[in-house]
Amino acid sequence: MTNETDSASYSNEADVREPNFQVTFFGVNYARLKQIKSVYDPQSLFIVPAGVGSEDWDVFGTCRTVI
């Protein structure tokens, strides 16, 4: 706690460290979303932490771990 009066956070901000983000954030839709992503991003270059397909990259998003 900072004890600052101007500090704040987003109450609905997702935690990118969620270990099971595929189910927690996307549920039963994840497999279909990954399929759609493969059509529009076949090289899997567009990634974000805890986003569709991000589990194929290292935690820094710099090296692909699944080819």
Protein backbone atom coordinates (compact mmCIF):
# COMPACT_ATOMS: atom_id res chain seq x y z
CA MET A 1 0.00 0.00 0.00
CA THR A 2 1.44 3.35 -0.99
CA ASN A 3 -0.80 5.49 1.23
CA GLU A 4 -1.05 7.91 -1.67
CA THR A 5 -4.44 9.45 -2.32
CA ASP A 6 -3.95 9.44 -6.08
CA SER A 7 -2.99 5.77 -6.46
CA ALA A 8 -5.43 3.49 -8.20
CA SER A 9 -5.83 0.22 -10.06
CA TYR A 10 -8.22 -1.29 -12.55
CA SER A 11 -10.64 -3.48 -10.67
CA ASN A 12 -11.38 -5.57 -13.76
CA GLU A 13 -7.79 -5.90 -14.95
CA ALA A 14 -6.91 -9.51 -15.72
CA ASP A 15 -3.79 -10.98 -14.15
CA VAL A 16 -1.38 -11.91 -16.95
CA ARG A 17 0.30 -14.31 -14.52
CA GLU A 18 -2.84 -16.48 -14.40
CA PRO A 19 -1.43 -20.01 -14.80
CA ASN A 20 -4.51 -21.40 -16.57
CA PHE A 21 -5.41 -18.31 -18.60
CA GLN A 22 -6.80 -20.34 -21.51
CA VAL A 23 -9.71 -21.58 -19.38
CA THR A 24 -9.98 -18.62 -17.02
CA PHE A 25 -10.09 -15.93 -19.71
CA PHE A 26 -11.46 -17.74 -22.77
CA GLY A 27 -13.21 -20.88 -21.50
CA VAL A 28 -14.61 -23.26 -24.09
CA ASN A 29 -13.86 -20.72 -26.84
CA TYR A 30 -10.07 -21.07 -26.63
CA ALA A 31 -9.61 -23.88 -29.15
CA ARG A 32 -11.72 -22.06 -31.75
CA LEU A 33 -9.93 -18.75 -31.10
CA LYS A 34 -6.55 -20.44 -31.57
CA GLN A 35 -7.77 -21.94 -34.84
CA ILE A 36 -8.94 -18.53 -36.06
CA LYS A 37 -5.64 -16.95 -34.99
CA SER A 38 -3.72 -19.53 -37.03
CA VAL A 39 -5.57 -18.37 -40.16
CA TYR A 40 -4.76 -14.67 -39.70
CA ASP A 41 -1.37 -15.09 -38.00
CA PRO A 42 0.10 -18.33 -39.39
CA GLN A 43 3.60 -17.52 -38.11
CA SER A 44 2.23 -16.72 -34.62
CA LEU A 45 4.06 -13.42 -34.49
CA PHE A 46 1.36 -11.32 -32.84
CA ILE A 47 1.39 -12.22 -29.16
CA VAL A 48 0.49 -10.64 -25.85
CA PRO A 49 0.95 -12.03 -22.34
CA ALA A 50 -1.89 -14.46 -21.56
CA GLY A 51 -3.26 -14.08 -25.07
CA VAL A 52 -4.30 -16.71 -27.57
CA GLY A 53 -1.20 -18.65 -28.60
CA SER A 54 1.12 -17.00 -26.08
CA GLU A 55 1.77 -20.37 -24.42
CA ASP A 56 3.88 -21.20 -27.49
CA TRP A 57 6.40 -18.49 -26.48
CA ASP A 58 8.73 -18.04 -23.53
CA VAL A 59 7.64 -15.79 -20.64
CA PHE A 60 9.41 -12.80 -22.22
CA GLY A 61 7.75 -13.25 -25.61
CA THR A 62 11.11 -13.37 -27.36
CA CYS A 63 11.60 -17.06 -28.16
CA ARG A 64 9.08 -19.50 -29.50
CA THR A 65 9.04 -22.72 -27.48
CA VAL A 66 6.64 -24.61 -29.78
CA ILE A 67 7.16 -24.71 -33.53
